[in-house]
N, C-alpha and C. Protein backbone atom coordinates (compact mmCIF):
# COMPACT_ATOMS: atom_id res chain seq x y z
N UNK A 1 84.85 195.81 154.09
CA UNK A 1 85.32 196.97 154.87
C UNK A 1 86.84 196.89 155.06
N UNK A 2 87.30 195.71 155.51
CA UNK A 2 88.72 195.52 155.74
C UNK A 2 89.51 195.65 154.44
N UNK A 3 88.92 195.11 153.35
CA UNK A 3 89.59 195.17 152.05
C UNK A 3 89.75 196.63 151.61
N UNK A 4 88.70 197.44 151.83
CA UNK A 4 88.73 198.86 151.47
C UNK A 4 89.79 199.59 152.28
N UNK A 5 89.88 199.26 153.58
CA UNK A 5 90.87 199.88 154.46
C UNK A 5 92.29 199.56 154.00
N UNK A 6 92.52 198.29 153.70
CA UNK A 6 93.86 197.85 153.26
C UNK A 6 94.24 198.54 151.96
N UNK A 7 93.27 198.64 151.03
CA UNK A 7 93.54 199.28 149.74
C UNK A 7 93.87 200.75 149.94
N UNK A 8 93.11 201.42 150.79
CA UNK A 8 93.35 202.84 151.07
C UNK A 8 94.71 203.05 151.72
N UNK A 9 95.03 202.15 152.65
CA UNK A 9 96.32 202.24 153.33
C UNK A 9 97.48 202.06 152.34
N UNK A 10 97.33 201.09 151.45
CA UNK A 10 98.38 200.83 150.45
C UNK A 10 98.56 202.03 149.52
N UNK A 11 97.45 202.65 149.13
CA UNK A 11 97.52 203.83 148.27
C UNK A 11 98.21 204.98 149.00
N UNK A 12 97.91 205.12 150.29
CA UNK A 12 98.52 206.18 151.09
C UNK A 12 100.03 205.97 151.19
N UNK A 13 100.44 204.73 151.46
CA UNK A 13 101.86 204.41 151.57
C UNK A 13 102.57 204.65 150.24
N UNK A 14 101.93 204.24 149.14
CA UNK A 14 102.52 204.42 147.81
C UNK A 14 102.69 205.90 147.50
N UNK A 15 101.64 206.68 147.79
CA UNK A 15 101.71 208.13 147.53
C UNK A 15 102.80 208.78 148.37
N UNK A 16 102.88 208.39 149.63
CA UNK A 16 103.92 208.94 150.51
C UNK A 16 105.31 208.59 150.00
N UNK A 17 105.50 207.35 149.57
CA UNK A 17 106.80 206.91 149.08
C UNK A 17 107.21 207.66 147.82
N UNK A 18 106.25 207.87 146.91
CA UNK A 18 106.55 208.61 145.69
C UNK A 18 106.88 210.06 145.99
N UNK A 19 106.11 210.67 146.90
CA UNK A 19 106.37 212.06 147.27
C UNK A 19 107.73 212.20 147.91
N UNK A 20 108.07 211.28 148.80
CA UNK A 20 109.37 211.30 149.48
C UNK A 20 110.51 211.16 148.47
N UNK A 21 110.33 210.26 147.51
CA UNK A 21 111.37 210.04 146.49
C UNK A 21 111.56 211.28 145.64
N UNK A 22 110.43 211.91 145.26
CA UNK A 22 110.51 213.14 144.47
C UNK A 22 111.19 214.24 145.27
N UNK A 23 110.84 214.35 146.55
CA UNK A 23 111.42 215.36 147.40
C UNK A 23 112.92 215.17 147.55
N UNK A 24 113.34 213.93 147.76
CA UNK A 24 114.77 213.62 147.91
C UNK A 24 115.51 213.92 146.61
N UNK A 25 114.90 213.58 145.49
CA UNK A 25 115.51 213.83 144.18
C UNK A 25 115.64 215.33 143.95
N UNK A 26 114.62 216.09 144.32
CA UNK A 26 114.63 217.54 144.19
C UNK A 26 115.75 218.15 145.03
N UNK A 27 115.84 217.74 146.29
CA UNK A 27 116.88 218.25 147.18
C UNK A 27 118.27 217.97 146.63
N UNK A 28 118.47 216.75 146.13
CA UNK A 28 119.78 216.37 145.60
C UNK A 28 120.14 217.20 144.38
N UNK A 29 119.18 217.36 143.47
CA UNK A 29 119.42 218.14 142.25
C UNK A 29 119.72 219.60 142.58
N UNK A 30 118.97 220.16 143.51
CA UNK A 30 119.17 221.56 143.89
C UNK A 30 120.52 221.74 144.58
N UNK A 31 120.86 220.85 145.49
CA UNK A 31 122.13 220.95 146.21
C UNK A 31 123.31 220.92 145.25
N UNK A 32 123.22 220.05 144.25
CA UNK A 32 124.30 219.92 143.26
C UNK A 32 124.49 221.22 142.49
N UNK A 33 123.40 221.83 142.06
CA UNK A 33 123.49 223.06 141.28
C UNK A 33 123.94 224.25 142.13
N UNK A 34 123.48 224.30 143.38
CA UNK A 34 123.89 225.39 144.27
C UNK A 34 125.39 225.30 144.56
N UNK A 35 125.90 224.08 144.70
CA UNK A 35 127.34 223.89 144.90
C UNK A 35 128.12 224.42 143.70
N UNK A 36 127.60 224.19 142.51
CA UNK A 36 128.25 224.72 141.31
C UNK A 36 128.18 226.24 141.28
N UNK A 37 127.04 226.77 141.71
CA UNK A 37 126.85 228.21 141.74
C UNK A 37 127.82 228.88 142.71
N UNK A 38 128.13 228.20 143.80
CA UNK A 38 129.02 228.74 144.83
C UNK A 38 130.50 228.64 144.45
N UNK A 39 130.81 227.88 143.39
CA UNK A 39 132.20 227.68 142.98
C UNK A 39 132.65 228.85 142.10
N UNK A 40 133.65 229.63 142.55
CA UNK A 40 134.12 230.78 141.75
C UNK A 40 134.58 230.39 140.34
N UNK A 41 134.96 229.14 140.15
CA UNK A 41 135.41 228.69 138.83
C UNK A 41 134.27 228.66 137.82
N UNK A 42 133.03 228.76 138.31
CA UNK A 42 131.87 228.67 137.41
C UNK A 42 131.24 230.03 137.12
N UNK A 43 131.98 231.11 137.33
CA UNK A 43 131.40 232.45 137.16
C UNK A 43 131.39 232.92 135.71
N UNK A 44 131.99 232.19 134.80
CA UNK A 44 131.96 232.57 133.39
C UNK A 44 130.52 232.60 132.90
N UNK A 45 130.17 233.55 132.02
CA UNK A 45 128.78 233.67 131.54
C UNK A 45 128.22 232.38 130.97
N UNK A 46 129.03 231.65 130.21
CA UNK A 46 128.54 230.41 129.60
C UNK A 46 128.16 229.39 130.67
N UNK A 47 128.97 229.31 131.72
CA UNK A 47 128.70 228.35 132.79
C UNK A 47 127.47 228.78 133.60
N UNK A 48 127.36 230.07 133.86
CA UNK A 48 126.20 230.57 134.60
C UNK A 48 124.91 230.32 133.81
N UNK A 49 125.00 230.46 132.50
CA UNK A 49 123.84 230.18 131.65
C UNK A 49 123.47 228.70 131.74
N UNK A 50 124.48 227.85 131.74
CA UNK A 50 124.25 226.40 131.84
C UNK A 50 123.58 226.05 133.16
N UNK A 51 124.05 226.66 134.24
CA UNK A 51 123.46 226.40 135.56
C UNK A 51 122.02 226.92 135.60
N UNK A 52 121.80 228.10 135.02
CA UNK A 52 120.44 228.67 134.97
C UNK A 52 119.50 227.74 134.22
N UNK A 53 119.98 227.18 133.10
CA UNK A 53 119.16 226.25 132.33
C UNK A 53 118.74 225.05 133.17
N UNK A 54 119.68 224.55 133.97
CA UNK A 54 119.37 223.38 134.81
C UNK A 54 118.35 223.75 135.88
N UNK A 55 118.51 224.91 136.49
CA UNK A 55 117.52 225.35 137.48
C UNK A 55 116.14 225.48 136.85
N UNK A 56 116.07 225.96 135.63
CA UNK A 56 114.77 226.10 134.98
C UNK A 56 114.16 224.74 134.64
N UNK A 57 115.01 223.77 134.33
CA UNK A 57 114.50 222.41 134.10
C UNK A 57 113.94 221.83 135.40
N UNK A 58 114.64 222.09 136.50
CA UNK A 58 114.14 221.63 137.81
C UNK A 58 112.81 222.31 138.12
N UNK A 59 112.72 223.60 137.82
CA UNK A 59 111.49 224.35 138.08
C UNK A 59 110.33 223.79 137.27
N UNK A 60 110.60 223.39 136.04
CA UNK A 60 109.55 222.83 135.19
C UNK A 60 109.03 221.50 135.74
N UNK A 61 109.91 220.77 136.41
CA UNK A 61 109.52 219.48 137.00
C UNK A 61 108.87 219.65 138.37
N UNK A 62 109.30 220.68 139.09
CA UNK A 62 108.80 220.92 140.45
C UNK A 62 107.99 222.21 140.46
N UNK A 63 106.79 222.16 139.96
CA UNK A 63 106.02 223.36 139.64
C UNK A 63 105.57 224.18 140.85
N UNK A 64 105.69 223.61 142.04
CA UNK A 64 105.25 224.36 143.23
C UNK A 64 106.42 224.96 144.01
N UNK A 65 107.64 224.77 143.52
CA UNK A 65 108.83 225.22 144.24
C UNK A 65 109.32 226.56 143.67
N UNK A 66 109.54 227.55 144.56
CA UNK A 66 109.99 228.86 144.10
C UNK A 66 111.50 228.96 143.95
N UNK A 67 112.25 228.13 144.68
CA UNK A 67 113.71 228.27 144.69
C UNK A 67 114.39 228.03 143.34
N UNK A 68 113.96 227.05 142.52
CA UNK A 68 114.62 226.89 141.23
C UNK A 68 114.51 228.14 140.35
N UNK A 69 113.32 228.76 140.35
CA UNK A 69 113.15 230.00 139.59
C UNK A 69 114.02 231.12 140.17
N UNK A 70 114.09 231.17 141.50
CA UNK A 70 114.91 232.18 142.17
C UNK A 70 116.37 232.06 141.75
N UNK A 71 116.90 230.84 141.79
CA UNK A 71 118.31 230.65 141.45
C UNK A 71 118.57 230.87 139.96
N UNK A 72 117.61 230.53 139.11
CA UNK A 72 117.76 230.82 137.68
C UNK A 72 117.86 232.33 137.48
N UNK A 73 116.99 233.08 138.15
CA UNK A 73 117.02 234.55 138.06
C UNK A 73 118.36 235.09 138.58
N UNK A 74 118.85 234.51 139.66
CA UNK A 74 120.13 234.95 140.22
C UNK A 74 121.26 234.75 139.20
N UNK A 75 121.27 233.61 138.52
CA UNK A 75 122.29 233.34 137.50
C UNK A 75 122.22 234.38 136.39
N UNK A 76 121.01 234.64 135.91
CA UNK A 76 120.84 235.60 134.82
C UNK A 76 121.29 237.00 135.23
N UNK A 77 120.91 237.43 136.43
CA UNK A 77 121.26 238.80 136.83
C UNK A 77 122.76 238.93 137.08
N UNK A 78 123.41 237.88 137.54
CA UNK A 78 124.87 237.93 137.67
C UNK A 78 125.53 238.12 136.31
N UNK A 79 124.98 237.46 135.30
CA UNK A 79 125.48 237.65 133.94
C UNK A 79 125.21 239.06 133.44
N UNK A 80 124.03 239.58 133.76
CA UNK A 80 123.69 240.94 133.33
C UNK A 80 124.62 241.96 133.96
N UNK A 81 124.94 241.77 135.23
CA UNK A 81 125.81 242.71 135.94
C UNK A 81 127.26 242.67 135.43
N UNK A 82 127.67 241.53 134.92
CA UNK A 82 129.06 241.40 134.46
C UNK A 82 129.21 241.60 132.94
N UNK A 83 128.10 241.74 132.23
CA UNK A 83 128.15 241.89 130.77
C UNK A 83 128.79 243.24 130.38
N UNK A 84 129.82 243.19 129.56
CA UNK A 84 130.52 244.41 129.13
C UNK A 84 129.78 245.13 128.01
N UNK A 85 129.09 244.36 127.16
CA UNK A 85 128.35 244.94 126.05
C UNK A 85 126.98 245.40 126.57
N UNK A 86 126.84 246.70 126.78
CA UNK A 86 125.62 247.23 127.40
C UNK A 86 124.37 247.00 126.57
N UNK A 87 124.53 246.78 125.26
CA UNK A 87 123.38 246.54 124.42
C UNK A 87 122.75 245.17 124.68
N UNK A 88 123.46 244.30 125.39
CA UNK A 88 122.96 242.96 125.67
C UNK A 88 122.33 242.82 127.06
N UNK A 89 122.55 243.83 127.89
CA UNK A 89 122.16 243.71 129.31
C UNK A 89 120.65 243.56 129.50
N UNK A 90 119.86 244.38 128.83
CA UNK A 90 118.41 244.35 129.05
C UNK A 90 117.81 242.99 128.69
N UNK A 91 118.30 242.38 127.62
CA UNK A 91 117.77 241.07 127.21
C UNK A 91 118.06 240.01 128.27
N UNK A 92 119.26 240.06 128.84
CA UNK A 92 119.61 239.12 129.90
C UNK A 92 118.77 239.40 131.15
N UNK A 93 118.63 240.69 131.45
CA UNK A 93 117.85 241.10 132.62
C UNK A 93 116.39 240.70 132.48
N UNK A 94 115.88 240.72 131.25
CA UNK A 94 114.50 240.31 131.02
C UNK A 94 114.29 238.84 131.40
N UNK A 95 115.30 238.02 131.12
CA UNK A 95 115.22 236.60 131.51
C UNK A 95 115.19 236.48 133.03
N UNK A 96 116.02 237.27 133.69
CA UNK A 96 116.04 237.27 135.16
C UNK A 96 114.68 237.71 135.70
N UNK A 97 114.11 238.75 135.08
CA UNK A 97 112.82 239.27 135.52
C UNK A 97 111.72 238.23 135.38
N UNK A 98 111.71 237.53 134.25
CA UNK A 98 110.69 236.51 134.01
C UNK A 98 110.79 235.39 135.04
N UNK A 99 112.01 234.97 135.34
CA UNK A 99 112.21 233.88 136.31
C UNK A 99 111.81 234.31 137.72
N UNK A 100 112.21 235.53 138.11
CA UNK A 100 111.93 235.95 139.48
C UNK A 100 110.44 236.22 139.68
N UNK A 101 109.74 236.62 138.62
CA UNK A 101 108.29 236.81 138.74
C UNK A 101 107.58 235.47 138.94
N UNK A 102 108.10 234.42 138.32
CA UNK A 102 107.54 233.08 138.55
C UNK A 102 107.79 232.66 140.00
N UNK A 103 108.99 232.96 140.50
CA UNK A 103 109.30 232.64 141.90
C UNK A 103 108.36 233.39 142.83
N UNK A 104 108.13 234.66 142.52
CA UNK A 104 107.28 235.49 143.38
C UNK A 104 105.83 235.04 143.35
N UNK A 105 105.39 234.52 142.22
CA UNK A 105 104.00 234.02 142.14
C UNK A 105 103.80 232.83 143.07
N UNK A 106 104.88 232.10 143.34
CA UNK A 106 104.82 230.94 144.23
C UNK A 106 105.12 231.30 145.68
N UNK A 107 105.84 232.41 145.87
CA UNK A 107 106.21 232.82 147.22
C UNK A 107 106.19 234.35 147.32
N UNK A 108 104.99 234.94 147.45
CA UNK A 108 104.89 236.40 147.53
C UNK A 108 105.43 236.94 148.85
N UNK A 109 105.75 238.24 148.84
CA UNK A 109 106.27 238.93 150.03
C UNK A 109 107.48 238.19 150.61
N UNK A 110 108.43 237.90 149.74
CA UNK A 110 109.62 237.12 150.11
C UNK A 110 110.84 238.03 150.05
N UNK A 111 111.52 238.21 151.18
CA UNK A 111 112.66 239.13 151.23
C UNK A 111 113.79 238.72 150.29
N UNK A 112 114.02 237.42 150.13
CA UNK A 112 115.10 236.97 149.25
C UNK A 112 114.78 237.31 147.79
N UNK A 113 113.53 237.16 147.42
CA UNK A 113 113.11 237.50 146.06
C UNK A 113 113.26 239.00 145.82
N UNK A 114 112.91 239.81 146.81
CA UNK A 114 113.06 241.26 146.67
C UNK A 114 114.53 241.65 146.49
N UNK A 115 115.43 240.92 147.14
CA UNK A 115 116.86 241.21 146.99
C UNK A 115 117.30 240.99 145.54
N UNK A 116 116.87 239.89 144.94
CA UNK A 116 117.24 239.62 143.54
C UNK A 116 116.57 240.63 142.61
N UNK A 117 115.33 241.00 142.91
CA UNK A 117 114.66 242.01 142.08
C UNK A 117 115.41 243.34 142.14
N UNK A 118 116.00 243.66 143.29
CA UNK A 118 116.78 244.89 143.41
C UNK A 118 118.04 244.82 142.55
N UNK A 119 118.64 243.63 142.46
CA UNK A 119 119.81 243.44 141.61
C UNK A 119 119.45 243.60 140.14
N UNK A 120 118.27 243.13 139.76
CA UNK A 120 117.81 243.28 138.38
C UNK A 120 117.67 244.76 138.03
N UNK A 121 117.11 245.55 138.94
CA UNK A 121 117.00 246.99 138.73
C UNK A 121 118.39 247.63 138.65
N UNK A 122 119.30 247.18 139.50
CA UNK A 122 120.67 247.72 139.50
C UNK A 122 121.37 247.44 138.18
N UNK A 123 121.16 246.26 137.63
CA UNK A 123 121.77 245.92 136.33
C UNK A 123 121.26 246.84 135.24
N UNK A 124 120.00 247.22 135.30
CA UNK A 124 119.44 248.12 134.29
C UNK A 124 120.05 249.52 134.40
N UNK A 125 120.40 249.94 135.60
CA UNK A 125 121.05 251.24 135.77
C UNK A 125 122.35 251.29 134.98
N UNK A 126 123.11 250.18 135.04
CA UNK A 126 124.42 250.15 134.41
C UNK A 126 124.42 250.35 132.92
N UNK A 127 123.28 250.14 132.26
CA UNK A 127 123.19 250.35 130.81
C UNK A 127 123.41 251.82 130.47
N UNK A 128 122.83 252.70 131.28
CA UNK A 128 122.98 254.15 131.07
C UNK A 128 122.67 254.87 132.38
N UNK A 129 123.67 254.97 133.27
CA UNK A 129 123.43 255.54 134.61
C UNK A 129 122.81 256.94 134.60
N UNK A 130 123.18 257.77 133.65
CA UNK A 130 122.69 259.15 133.65
C UNK A 130 121.18 259.23 133.40
N UNK A 131 120.67 258.38 132.52
CA UNK A 131 119.23 258.43 132.21
C UNK A 131 118.41 257.45 133.02
N UNK A 132 119.05 256.41 133.55
CA UNK A 132 118.30 255.37 134.25
C UNK A 132 118.48 255.39 135.77
N UNK A 133 119.48 256.13 136.23
CA UNK A 133 119.83 256.09 137.65
C UNK A 133 118.68 256.41 138.58
N UNK A 134 117.94 257.46 138.27
CA UNK A 134 116.87 257.89 139.18
C UNK A 134 115.75 256.85 139.25
N UNK A 135 115.28 256.38 138.09
CA UNK A 135 114.17 255.43 138.07
C UNK A 135 114.53 254.11 138.73
N UNK A 136 115.59 253.48 138.24
CA UNK A 136 115.92 252.14 138.73
C UNK A 136 116.63 252.17 140.08
N UNK A 137 117.30 253.28 140.38
CA UNK A 137 117.91 253.42 141.70
C UNK A 137 116.84 253.46 142.78
N UNK A 138 115.78 254.22 142.51
CA UNK A 138 114.67 254.31 143.46
C UNK A 138 113.96 252.96 143.60
N UNK A 139 113.82 252.26 142.46
CA UNK A 139 113.17 250.95 142.49
C UNK A 139 113.97 249.96 143.33
N UNK A 140 115.29 249.93 143.12
CA UNK A 140 116.15 249.02 143.88
C UNK A 140 116.10 249.34 145.36
N UNK A 141 116.15 250.63 145.70
CA UNK A 141 116.12 251.05 147.11
C UNK A 141 114.82 250.66 147.77
N UNK A 142 113.70 250.83 147.07
CA UNK A 142 112.39 250.48 147.61
C UNK A 142 112.28 248.98 147.87
N UNK A 143 112.78 248.20 146.92
CA UNK A 143 112.74 246.74 147.07
C UNK A 143 113.55 246.29 148.29
N UNK A 144 114.72 246.89 148.48
CA UNK A 144 115.55 246.51 149.63
C UNK A 144 114.92 246.96 150.94
N UNK A 145 114.29 248.12 150.91
CA UNK A 145 113.59 248.58 152.11
C UNK A 145 112.46 247.62 152.49
N UNK A 146 111.71 247.17 151.48
CA UNK A 146 110.63 246.22 151.73
C UNK A 146 111.18 244.88 152.21
N UNK A 147 112.31 244.45 151.64
CA UNK A 147 112.93 243.20 152.08
C UNK A 147 113.33 243.29 153.55
N UNK A 148 113.88 244.44 153.94
CA UNK A 148 114.29 244.65 155.32
C UNK A 148 113.12 244.66 156.28
N UNK A 149 111.98 245.15 155.82
CA UNK A 149 110.78 245.15 156.66
C UNK A 149 110.25 243.73 156.86
N UNK A 150 110.40 242.90 155.83
CA UNK A 150 109.96 241.51 155.94
C UNK A 150 110.87 240.72 156.87
N UNK A 151 112.18 240.93 156.71
CA UNK A 151 113.16 240.19 157.52
C UNK A 151 114.35 241.09 157.83
N UNK A 152 114.33 241.70 159.00
CA UNK A 152 115.39 242.63 159.38
C UNK A 152 116.73 241.93 159.61
N UNK A 153 116.71 240.59 159.72
CA UNK A 153 117.94 239.85 159.99
C UNK A 153 118.61 239.31 158.72
N UNK A 154 118.06 239.62 157.56
CA UNK A 154 118.64 239.14 156.31
C UNK A 154 119.89 239.95 155.98
N UNK A 155 121.07 239.34 156.00
CA UNK A 155 122.31 240.09 155.76
C UNK A 155 122.45 240.59 154.33
N UNK A 156 121.76 239.94 153.39
CA UNK A 156 121.86 240.36 151.99
C UNK A 156 121.24 241.74 151.76
N UNK A 157 120.27 242.10 152.58
CA UNK A 157 119.68 243.43 152.48
C UNK A 157 120.74 244.49 152.76
N UNK A 158 121.47 244.34 153.85
CA UNK A 158 122.51 245.31 154.22
C UNK A 158 123.67 245.29 153.22
N UNK A 159 124.02 244.10 152.75
CA UNK A 159 125.07 243.98 151.74
C UNK A 159 124.71 244.80 150.50
N UNK A 160 123.51 244.61 149.99
CA UNK A 160 123.11 245.27 148.75
C UNK A 160 122.89 246.77 148.95
N UNK A 161 122.41 247.16 150.12
CA UNK A 161 122.30 248.59 150.43
C UNK A 161 123.69 249.22 150.50
N UNK A 162 124.62 248.50 151.10
CA UNK A 162 126.00 248.99 151.18
C UNK A 162 126.63 249.08 149.80
N UNK A 163 126.37 248.08 148.97
CA UNK A 163 126.92 248.08 147.62
C UNK A 163 126.42 249.29 146.84
N UNK A 164 125.14 249.62 147.00
CA UNK A 164 124.57 250.78 146.33
C UNK A 164 125.25 252.07 146.80
N UNK A 165 125.45 252.19 148.09
CA UNK A 165 126.12 253.37 148.63
C UNK A 165 127.57 253.46 148.16
N UNK A 166 128.20 252.31 148.04
CA UNK A 166 129.62 252.27 147.65
C UNK A 166 129.82 252.74 146.21
N UNK A 167 128.95 252.28 145.31
CA UNK A 167 129.14 252.56 143.89
C UNK A 167 128.41 253.82 143.40
N UNK A 168 127.55 254.40 144.24
CA UNK A 168 126.86 255.64 143.86
C UNK A 168 127.74 256.84 144.17
N UNK A 169 127.96 257.76 143.21
CA UNK A 169 128.74 258.96 143.48
C UNK A 169 128.15 259.76 144.64
N UNK A 170 129.01 260.44 145.39
CA UNK A 170 128.54 261.16 146.58
C UNK A 170 127.52 262.23 146.23
N UNK A 171 127.67 262.88 145.05
CA UNK A 171 126.72 263.93 144.68
C UNK A 171 125.32 263.40 144.44
N UNK A 172 125.22 262.06 144.29
CA UNK A 172 123.91 261.44 144.10
C UNK A 172 123.49 260.61 145.31
N UNK A 173 124.15 260.83 146.45
CA UNK A 173 123.74 260.18 147.69
C UNK A 173 124.60 259.02 148.14
N UNK A 174 125.65 258.71 147.38
CA UNK A 174 126.55 257.63 147.78
C UNK A 174 127.46 258.03 148.92
N UNK A 175 128.02 257.06 149.60
CA UNK A 175 128.92 257.35 150.72
C UNK A 175 129.73 256.11 151.05
N UNK A 176 131.05 256.23 150.97
CA UNK A 176 131.92 255.10 151.31
C UNK A 176 131.82 254.78 152.80
N UNK A 177 131.70 255.81 153.63
CA UNK A 177 131.61 255.58 155.08
C UNK A 177 130.32 254.86 155.46
N UNK A 178 129.22 255.30 154.87
CA UNK A 178 127.94 254.64 155.15
C UNK A 178 127.92 253.23 154.58
N UNK A 179 128.59 253.06 153.44
CA UNK A 179 128.69 251.72 152.84
C UNK A 179 129.44 250.79 153.78
N UNK A 180 130.52 251.29 154.36
CA UNK A 180 131.32 250.49 155.30
C UNK A 180 130.47 250.05 156.49
N UNK A 181 129.64 250.96 157.00
CA UNK A 181 128.77 250.62 158.13
C UNK A 181 127.80 249.50 157.76
N UNK A 182 127.27 249.59 156.54
CA UNK A 182 126.34 248.56 156.07
C UNK A 182 127.04 247.21 155.91
N UNK A 183 128.25 247.22 155.37
CA UNK A 183 129.00 245.97 155.18
C UNK A 183 129.33 245.33 156.54
N UNK A 184 129.71 246.15 157.51
CA UNK A 184 130.02 245.63 158.85
C UNK A 184 128.78 245.04 159.50
N UNK A 185 127.63 245.71 159.30
CA UNK A 185 126.38 245.20 159.86
C UNK A 185 125.99 243.88 159.17
N UNK A 186 126.22 243.83 157.86
CA UNK A 186 125.91 242.59 157.12
C UNK A 186 126.73 241.43 157.65
N UNK A 187 128.02 241.66 157.91
CA UNK A 187 128.89 240.59 158.41
C UNK A 187 128.44 240.11 159.79
N UNK A 188 127.98 241.02 160.62
CA UNK A 188 127.45 240.62 161.93
C UNK A 188 126.24 239.71 161.77
N UNK A 189 125.40 240.05 160.82
CA UNK A 189 124.20 239.24 160.59
C UNK A 189 124.55 237.90 159.95
N UNK A 190 125.56 237.89 159.06
CA UNK A 190 125.99 236.63 158.46
C UNK A 190 126.49 235.67 159.54
N UNK A 191 127.09 236.21 160.59
CA UNK A 191 127.66 235.37 161.66
C UNK A 191 126.58 234.57 162.39
N UNK A 192 125.36 235.09 162.40
CA UNK A 192 124.28 234.41 163.14
C UNK A 192 123.16 233.93 162.22
N UNK A 193 123.26 234.24 160.93
CA UNK A 193 122.19 233.90 160.00
C UNK A 193 122.08 232.39 159.79
N UNK A 194 120.86 231.88 159.84
CA UNK A 194 120.62 230.45 159.60
C UNK A 194 119.63 230.31 158.45
N UNK A 195 120.07 229.78 157.31
CA UNK A 195 119.15 229.60 156.18
C UNK A 195 117.97 228.73 156.57
N UNK A 196 116.85 228.93 155.88
CA UNK A 196 115.64 228.17 156.19
C UNK A 196 115.81 226.68 155.90
N UNK A 197 116.72 226.35 154.98
CA UNK A 197 116.99 224.95 154.66
C UNK A 197 118.38 224.87 154.03
N UNK A 198 118.81 223.66 153.71
CA UNK A 198 120.12 223.48 153.09
C UNK A 198 120.20 224.11 151.71
N UNK A 199 119.07 224.29 151.06
CA UNK A 199 119.08 224.85 149.71
C UNK A 199 118.54 226.28 149.66
N UNK A 200 118.26 226.86 150.81
CA UNK A 200 117.78 228.25 150.87
C UNK A 200 118.93 229.21 150.59
N UNK A 201 118.64 230.43 150.13
CA UNK A 201 119.69 231.41 149.84
C UNK A 201 120.63 231.64 151.02
N UNK A 202 121.91 231.64 150.72
CA UNK A 202 122.92 231.84 151.77
C UNK A 202 124.17 232.49 151.19
N UNK A 203 124.01 233.24 150.11
CA UNK A 203 125.15 233.84 149.43
C UNK A 203 125.46 235.24 149.97
N UNK A 204 126.68 235.70 149.68
CA UNK A 204 127.00 237.11 149.95
C UNK A 204 128.07 237.40 150.97
N UNK A 205 128.37 236.46 151.86
CA UNK A 205 129.33 236.77 152.93
C UNK A 205 130.72 237.06 152.36
N UNK A 206 131.20 236.21 151.47
CA UNK A 206 132.55 236.41 150.91
C UNK A 206 132.61 237.72 150.13
N UNK A 207 131.54 238.05 149.40
CA UNK A 207 131.52 239.28 148.63
C UNK A 207 131.50 240.50 149.56
N UNK A 208 130.79 240.41 150.69
CA UNK A 208 130.79 241.48 151.67
C UNK A 208 132.19 241.76 152.18
N UNK A 209 132.92 240.69 152.51
CA UNK A 209 134.30 240.86 152.99
C UNK A 209 135.18 241.48 151.91
N UNK A 210 134.95 241.08 150.67
CA UNK A 210 135.71 241.65 149.56
C UNK A 210 135.48 243.15 149.43
N UNK A 211 134.21 243.57 149.50
CA UNK A 211 133.90 244.98 149.40
C UNK A 211 134.43 245.77 150.60
N UNK A 212 134.33 245.17 151.77
CA UNK A 212 134.80 245.84 152.99
C UNK A 212 136.32 246.05 152.96
N UNK A 213 137.03 245.12 152.33
CA UNK A 213 138.49 245.24 152.26
C UNK A 213 138.93 246.42 151.38
N UNK A 214 138.00 246.90 150.53
CA UNK A 214 138.33 248.04 149.68
C UNK A 214 138.26 249.36 150.42
């Protein structure tokens, strides 16, 4: 009986130690990549692709974690939004879509995931605004509305809603004044926003200030 107890205890300790080591390794790897993602010097498409690749490798190793897929999707959609050759945008966006769907399968009804999905729709608009604006504009707006219902305190929701208002022509519902109100509200929320963890999404404040200065 005692021998069985000791063996079980040893197995429990070993399992706990391995899990803790894996968790610590995961946190370290994620923190390193997020720091690179936050560095403006790494915004070149080639570098963003490299960072996305690393996030996907982390995701392959940590199959129950949604954040690596989320950040890989974020990298891809940033590249899609900055791509000058419109014929390449959909292919890049498809990679973002595939990654964010994997994230969503692990963490459904997630406001942060909806924010990235709205960016993916926005990138598709840019390929041909006249023919795609109505479909993907409505999709992006719906996603942000749902994100806001899940978490009304998420500043990225207001940032992205403001961005949409800022870049949409007034005849199609855009408004610089309403955009300004959204950016100001986003900054108020950023001032009190606390990420769920050190590696949880926390981007957008600097970009909000940049847009507001315009």
